[in-house]
Each structure stands twice: as structure tokens, then as C-alpha cells.
Amino acid sequence: DLVSIEDFTAPKLNNFYVEELETDQNLKWTRETINGKTYNAAVLKKYLVFPRVAGKTEIDEASIKCMARVVSGRHPFWGYTYDNAPASAKASAISLNVSSLPSEPMGFSGAVGKFNISLSKPNDTVSVNEAVVCKVTISGSGNFSNIEAPKISCPKEFEQYEPVVTSKLNPTESGLSGSKTWEFTLVPRYGGNFNLGEVSLVYYDLASKSY
């Protein structure tokens, strides 16, 4: 039996964008057979990783030190006796071959997955010096960490402030999904009719293998 975990060294993931997945704080044990030997097994950590570089890369080794309850002898009346003893284990590094993407078009910042983009505003008519908030929302699934802040074609008659960013992302074993929203505050300094223009996102679609 496992008495306690004294030290756990997670693998270094320097060549990846990393999202840590939720795991149970209390270890849930299952039985697992490896090379003909049966063990108690439990999940310590889960990570969703997106490679940042093409070519051969590695997930580094992981290690653990713990205290285990081991048989120390046998009493003639009470059966086995036990002591706590230190134990350690190490997981070898894992090699991965990461495919490179096709030649990148203009505007591509590294987003890979399946995404939609939308632009919304509260109303069509505002007064001079009245702030209006425009929201750009990107939703879908993929590596949101590679999506740069979208650009709004703001007319020179408007004053534009840095956007406020909110994320509603759900990392799971099947990927990272949800949405990310940028709220741009714009203040018109002159009257008239103005067009904010369109917003766009360039991403690589894994299903169609195209940009």
C-alpha cells in the first residue's frame, strides 16, 4: 500500500503549450498488469499539450519518491507484519515526431483546430463622446494560446482603448474547447456614419488539412 508521496517531479514540457487537466485529489486506485505483474495504479496528473515546434521532440522523464507499506516479517499468531519503507520510480522520456504545417499564409499566428469568429455591438446609433463596446468572440476547439488579439479597423474619428479579454475554456482529454472574447471600448469624437470594417482569423483546419 502507498503510505504517502514524498516528492513528485512532473515531466518538463518546454516545447509544448500546456493545459493541466483536472484530476481527483484523492487517488482512485485500479488494477493494472504490466509485463505480467499486477499493480495498483492511480492517476497523479493529466496534461493536454500542444507542440510548439516541428520535428523530433521529447516529453521528459518523470519521477516519484514515496513511502510504501511493505511486509517485514510474519508473526506466528498475527500473520504478516509491516513497516514503512522508502520507494522510488522513474518514467522514461517519450519521443514524438511533430509534423510541420504547410507554408503559412499572411495573418497566420499558429492557431490550429476548428474556429468561428463573430463581431457584435450593442446598437447602431450613439452620441459623440459616448463609449460603445464592440465584442469579438472566437469560439471552437484547438490551441487558443496561439490566437492573437484580433484587430478592429477603427476609423480615425474614434478613440480606441485596449481590449478586455475573457476566456471560457474547457480543457478535456479530447482537446481544448470554448470561447475567448475581446471587448473593445470605442469613443466617437465626431458625428457621422462610420464603418468598423470586418475582423478575420486565419487558422489551420485539421479536418480539411487546409488554412
Protein backbone atom coordinates (compact mmCIF):
# COMPACT_ATOMS: atom_id res chain seq x y z
CA ASP A 1 0.00 0.00 0.00
CA LEU A 2 1.04 3.58 -0.60
CA VAL A 3 1.54 5.47 2.68
CA SER A 4 2.48 8.90 1.29
CA ILE A 5 4.01 10.67 -1.69
CA GLU A 6 7.18 12.43 -0.58
CA ASP A 7 8.18 14.01 -3.88
CA PHE A 8 6.84 14.01 -7.44
CA THR A 9 8.76 15.53 -10.35
CA ALA A 10 6.47 16.12 -13.34
CA PRO A 11 7.92 15.91 -16.86
CA LYS A 12 9.29 19.13 -18.31
CA LEU A 13 7.21 20.27 -21.28
CA ASN A 14 9.35 23.08 -22.65
CA ASN A 15 8.39 22.52 -26.29
CA PHE A 16 4.65 22.50 -25.62
CA TYR A 17 1.79 24.76 -24.69
CA VAL A 18 0.33 23.06 -21.63
CA GLU A 19 -3.14 22.87 -20.09
CA GLU A 20 -3.34 20.87 -16.87
CA LEU A 21 -6.46 18.72 -16.68
CA GLU A 22 -8.45 18.26 -13.50
CA THR A 23 -7.72 15.11 -11.52
CA ASP A 24 -9.14 13.76 -8.26
CA GLN A 25 -7.33 14.99 -5.16
CA ASN A 26 -7.96 11.61 -3.58
CA LEU A 27 -6.23 8.91 -5.61
CA LYS A 28 -8.60 6.41 -7.20
CA TRP A 29 -6.94 3.00 -7.46
CA THR A 30 -7.38 0.45 -10.22
CA ARG A 31 -5.58 -2.81 -11.02
CA GLU A 32 -3.14 -2.76 -13.93
CA THR A 33 -0.94 -5.53 -15.30
CA ILE A 34 2.43 -4.57 -16.80
CA ASN A 35 4.81 -7.23 -18.16
CA GLY A 36 2.87 -9.96 -16.37
CA LYS A 37 2.98 -8.21 -12.99
CA THR A 38 -0.12 -6.72 -11.34
CA TYR A 39 0.00 -3.28 -9.72
CA ASN A 40 -2.30 -0.82 -8.01
CA ALA A 41 -2.47 2.20 -10.32
CA ALA A 42 -3.76 5.76 -9.91
CA VAL A 43 -3.59 8.94 -11.98
CA LEU A 44 -1.47 11.71 -10.42
CA LYS A 45 -1.52 14.33 -13.19
CA LYS A 46 -3.03 14.84 -16.63
CA TYR A 47 -1.83 17.35 -19.19
CA LEU A 48 -3.20 18.47 -22.53
CA VAL A 49 -0.18 19.51 -24.60
CA PHE A 50 0.16 21.35 -27.91
CA PRO A 51 3.60 21.07 -29.60
CA ARG A 52 5.25 24.41 -30.38
CA VAL A 53 7.98 23.11 -32.67
CA ALA A 54 8.08 20.69 -35.59
CA GLY A 55 10.41 17.72 -35.79
CA LYS A 56 11.54 15.26 -33.16
CA THR A 57 10.82 16.34 -29.60
CA GLU A 58 10.50 14.69 -26.21
CA ILE A 59 8.29 14.64 -23.16
CA ASP A 60 10.93 14.45 -20.44
CA GLU A 61 11.10 11.76 -17.79
CA ALA A 62 9.04 11.92 -14.58
CA SER A 63 9.96 10.57 -11.16
CA ILE A 64 8.37 9.90 -7.80
CA LYS A 65 9.54 9.20 -4.25
CA CYS A 66 7.13 7.77 -1.72
CA MET A 67 6.69 5.74 1.43
CA ALA A 68 5.23 2.26 0.97
CA ARG A 69 3.86 -0.29 3.42
CA VAL A 70 5.91 -3.46 2.94
CA VAL A 71 5.99 -6.87 4.55
CA SER A 72 8.73 -7.02 7.17
CA GLY A 73 8.09 -10.47 8.66
CA ARG A 74 5.48 -12.91 9.86
CA HIS A 75 4.14 -13.32 13.38
CA PRO A 76 3.26 -16.90 14.41
CA PHE A 77 -0.19 -15.78 15.59
CA TRP A 78 -0.99 -12.43 13.95
CA GLY A 79 0.21 -13.12 10.41
CA TYR A 80 2.33 -10.71 8.39
CA THR A 81 3.96 -7.67 9.98
CA TYR A 82 4.60 -4.44 8.08
CA ASP A 83 6.97 -1.49 8.08
CA ASN A 84 7.08 1.77 6.14
CA ALA A 85 9.94 1.89 3.64
CA PRO A 86 11.03 4.43 1.01
CA ALA A 87 10.34 3.56 -2.61
CA SER A 88 11.02 5.38 -5.87
CA ALA A 89 10.19 5.02 -9.55
CA LYS A 90 11.04 6.77 -12.78
CA ALA A 91 9.21 7.02 -16.09
CA SER A 92 11.34 7.20 -19.22
CA ALA A 93 11.09 10.09 -21.65
CA ILE A 94 8.68 9.77 -24.59
CA SER A 95 9.75 10.70 -28.11
CA LEU A 96 7.34 12.38 -30.52
CA ASN A 97 7.57 13.27 -34.19
CA VAL A 98 5.70 16.53 -34.82
CA SER A 99 4.64 17.21 -38.40
CA SER A 100 5.25 20.68 -39.78
CA LEU A 101 2.37 22.72 -41.22
CA PRO A 102 2.15 23.71 -44.89
CA SER A 103 3.50 27.08 -45.99
CA GLU A 104 1.81 29.72 -43.83
CA PRO A 105 -0.43 32.40 -45.36
CA MET A 106 -0.44 36.04 -44.27
CA GLY A 107 -2.08 36.62 -40.91
CA PHE A 108 -1.48 33.11 -39.55
CA SER A 109 -0.31 33.16 -35.90
CA GLY A 110 -0.30 29.41 -35.22
CA ALA A 111 -3.96 28.65 -34.44
CA VAL A 112 -4.76 25.01 -35.23
CA GLY A 113 -8.20 23.42 -34.80
CA LYS A 114 -11.72 24.46 -35.75
CA PHE A 115 -12.83 28.02 -35.02
CA ASN A 116 -15.56 30.59 -35.66
CA ILE A 117 -15.28 34.36 -35.25
CA SER A 118 -18.02 36.95 -34.66
CA LEU A 119 -18.27 40.70 -34.12
CA SER A 120 -21.10 42.31 -32.15
CA LYS A 121 -22.02 45.76 -30.85
CA PRO A 122 -24.90 46.94 -28.61
CA ASN A 123 -26.55 49.40 -31.06
CA ASP A 124 -26.14 51.22 -34.37
CA THR A 125 -26.53 54.81 -33.15
CA VAL A 126 -24.51 56.52 -30.41
CA SER A 127 -23.77 60.12 -29.47
CA VAL A 128 -20.46 61.94 -29.74
CA ASN A 129 -18.21 61.05 -26.77
CA GLU A 130 -20.47 58.13 -25.83
CA ALA A 131 -18.50 54.93 -25.33
CA VAL A 132 -19.55 51.90 -27.35
CA VAL A 133 -18.28 48.38 -26.68
CA CYS A 134 -17.62 46.03 -29.59
CA LYS A 135 -17.07 42.36 -28.82
CA VAL A 136 -15.00 39.99 -30.94
CA THR A 137 -15.58 36.35 -29.97
CA ILE A 138 -13.60 33.37 -31.23
CA SER A 139 -15.16 30.01 -30.40
CA GLY A 140 -14.39 26.42 -31.26
CA SER A 141 -11.71 23.90 -30.34
CA GLY A 142 -7.94 23.95 -30.71
CA ASN A 143 -4.87 25.73 -29.37
CA PHE A 144 -6.38 29.01 -28.18
CA SER A 145 -3.00 30.05 -26.76
CA ASN A 146 -1.79 30.75 -30.31
CA ILE A 147 -4.65 33.08 -31.17
CA GLU A 148 -3.54 36.71 -31.16
CA ALA A 149 -5.86 39.60 -30.29
CA PRO A 150 -7.98 40.44 -33.36
CA LYS A 151 -7.65 43.86 -34.92
CA ILE A 152 -10.62 46.19 -35.45
CA SER A 153 -10.43 48.68 -38.31
CA CYS A 154 -11.21 51.68 -36.15
CA PRO A 155 -11.88 54.98 -38.02
CA LYS A 156 -9.57 57.89 -37.09
CA GLU A 157 -12.59 59.75 -35.69
CA PHE A 158 -12.78 57.17 -32.87
CA GLU A 159 -10.61 56.75 -29.83
CA GLN A 160 -9.86 53.09 -29.11
CA TYR A 161 -8.81 51.53 -25.79
CA GLU A 162 -7.01 48.28 -25.03
CA PRO A 163 -9.46 45.35 -25.10
CA VAL A 164 -10.62 43.47 -22.02
CA VAL A 165 -10.14 39.73 -22.57
CA THR A 166 -12.32 36.97 -21.06
CA SER A 167 -11.91 33.23 -21.62
CA LYS A 168 -14.36 30.39 -21.16
CA LEU A 169 -12.24 27.36 -21.99
CA ASN A 170 -12.77 23.72 -21.10
CA PRO A 171 -9.67 21.50 -21.29
CA THR A 172 -10.52 17.78 -21.58
CA GLU A 173 -8.76 14.66 -22.84
CA SER A 174 -10.37 15.24 -26.26
CA GLY A 175 -8.97 18.77 -26.56
CA LEU A 176 -9.44 22.41 -25.55
CA SER A 177 -12.80 23.94 -26.45
CA GLY A 178 -14.81 27.03 -25.57
CA SER A 179 -14.52 30.71 -26.44
CA LYS A 180 -12.37 33.79 -25.98
CA THR A 181 -13.81 37.30 -26.15
CA TRP A 182 -12.14 40.68 -26.63
CA GLU A 183 -14.21 43.74 -25.59
CA PHE A 184 -13.05 46.89 -27.39
CA THR A 185 -14.20 50.25 -26.00
CA LEU A 186 -14.53 52.87 -28.74
CA VAL A 187 -15.40 56.56 -28.26
CA PRO A 188 -16.54 58.60 -31.30
CA ARG A 189 -15.20 62.16 -31.20
CA TYR A 190 -17.13 63.37 -34.28
CA GLY A 191 -20.56 62.75 -35.74
CA GLY A 192 -21.27 60.89 -38.98
CA ASN A 193 -21.71 57.40 -40.39
CA PHE A 194 -18.76 55.09 -39.94
CA ASN A 195 -17.90 51.51 -40.83
CA LEU A 196 -15.80 49.50 -38.42
CA GLY A 197 -14.86 47.04 -41.15
CA GLU A 198 -14.58 43.27 -40.77
CA VAL A 199 -12.50 41.09 -38.48
CA SER A 200 -10.81 37.89 -39.58
CA LEU A 201 -8.97 34.86 -38.24
CA VAL A 202 -6.58 32.62 -40.15
CA TYR A 203 -6.26 29.10 -38.73
CA TYR A 204 -5.24 25.64 -39.89
CA ASP A 205 -8.15 23.17 -40.02
CA LEU A 206 -7.04 19.68 -39.04
CA ALA A 207 -10.09 18.02 -40.64
CA SER A 208 -9.64 19.54 -44.12
CA LYS A 209 -5.84 19.93 -43.73
CA SER A 210 -6.05 23.45 -45.09
CA TYR A 211 -5.94 27.08 -43.94
